[in-house]
Amino acid sequence: MLGEALQNVREELGEARYAKAVDLAARAKALFVDDPGDDNGKTVIGCHLLWDIDDIIEESYKDQPSARPSNDEGQVTED
């Protein structure tokens, strides 16, 4: 599912960011699979990789101000 979502925003991310995000997603998935009971710490590491993907998406907003969310007055917000 995450891979599909990333594919949907591939153009907005750009190829370099997209490739990095896909790599992080694959690594996170492997960590989650290796820690099904959340008892060896790999789930926590996987969650950190998901936050890294979020950072990549946020970076892409900075490069594309028109893609950033705005409030009712048309001002760009940090949300």
Protein backbone atom coordinates (compact mmCIF):
# COMPACT_ATOMS: atom_id res chain seq x y z
CA MET A 1 0.00 0.00 0.00
CA LEU A 2 2.76 2.46 0.85
CA GLY A 3 4.45 1.66 -2.43
CA GLU A 4 1.24 2.49 -4.30
CA ALA A 5 0.86 5.75 -2.40
CA LEU A 6 4.42 6.73 -3.22
CA GLN A 7 3.81 5.88 -6.88
CA ASN A 8 0.84 8.28 -6.82
CA VAL A 9 3.09 11.18 -5.74
CA ARG A 10 6.17 10.15 -7.72
CA GLU A 11 6.06 13.17 -10.01
CA GLU A 12 5.75 15.59 -7.09
CA LEU A 13 8.61 13.92 -5.23
CA GLY A 14 10.98 13.74 -8.19
CA GLU A 15 12.94 10.64 -9.11
CA ALA A 16 15.70 10.94 -6.49
CA ARG A 17 13.31 11.44 -3.58
CA TYR A 18 10.97 8.79 -4.91
CA ALA A 19 13.76 6.22 -5.14
CA LYS A 20 14.92 7.04 -1.61
CA ALA A 21 11.37 6.79 -0.23
CA VAL A 22 10.76 3.44 -1.96
CA ASP A 23 14.02 2.09 -0.54
CA LEU A 24 13.09 3.25 2.96
CA ALA A 25 9.62 1.72 2.61
CA ALA A 26 11.09 -1.65 1.60
CA ARG A 27 13.54 -1.56 4.50
CA ALA A 28 10.75 -0.63 6.94
CA LYS A 29 8.56 -3.47 5.69
CA ALA A 30 11.40 -5.97 6.17
CA LEU A 31 11.93 -4.73 9.72
CA PHE A 32 8.21 -5.06 10.53
CA VAL A 33 8.19 -8.61 9.13
CA ASP A 34 11.21 -9.48 11.29
CA ASP A 35 9.45 -8.22 14.43
CA PRO A 36 5.84 -9.46 14.29
CA GLY A 37 5.51 -9.46 18.06
CA ASP A 38 7.13 -6.06 18.52
CA ASP A 39 9.65 -7.60 20.86
CA ASN A 40 13.09 -7.21 19.28
CA GLY A 41 13.22 -3.49 18.52
CA LYS A 42 12.99 -3.73 14.75
CA THR A 43 9.47 -2.28 14.70
CA VAL A 44 10.76 0.90 16.31
CA ILE A 45 13.49 1.20 13.69
CA GLY A 46 10.88 0.64 10.96
CA CYS A 47 8.75 3.43 12.40
CA HIS A 48 11.73 5.78 12.27
CA LEU A 49 12.15 4.95 8.58
CA LEU A 50 8.50 5.88 8.01
CA TRP A 51 9.16 9.23 9.64
CA ASP A 52 12.11 9.63 7.27
CA ILE A 53 9.69 9.09 4.37
CA ASP A 54 7.45 11.78 5.86
CA ASP A 55 10.46 14.12 5.91
CA ILE A 56 11.11 13.41 2.23
CA ILE A 57 7.51 14.29 1.39
CA GLU A 58 7.74 17.49 3.43
CA GLU A 59 10.93 18.43 1.54
CA SER A 60 9.06 18.13 -1.73
CA TYR A 61 6.46 20.63 -0.47
CA LYS A 62 9.23 23.18 0.06
CA ASP A 63 10.21 22.86 -3.59
CA GLN A 64 6.61 23.20 -4.80
CA PRO A 65 4.84 25.98 -2.90
CA SER A 66 1.68 25.49 -4.96
CA ALA A 67 1.43 21.93 -3.61
CA ARG A 68 1.55 23.03 0.02
CA PRO A 69 -1.72 23.13 1.95
CA SER A 70 -3.24 26.55 2.49
CA ASN A 71 -5.87 27.90 4.83
CA ASP A 72 -9.21 29.50 3.86
CA GLU A 73 -7.44 32.80 3.15
CA GLY A 74 -5.03 31.18 0.70
CA GLN A 75 -2.04 31.47 3.04
CA VAL A 76 0.37 28.54 3.03
CA THR A 77 0.28 26.67 6.32
CA GLU A 78 2.75 24.33 7.97
CA ASP A 79 0.09 21.61 8.47
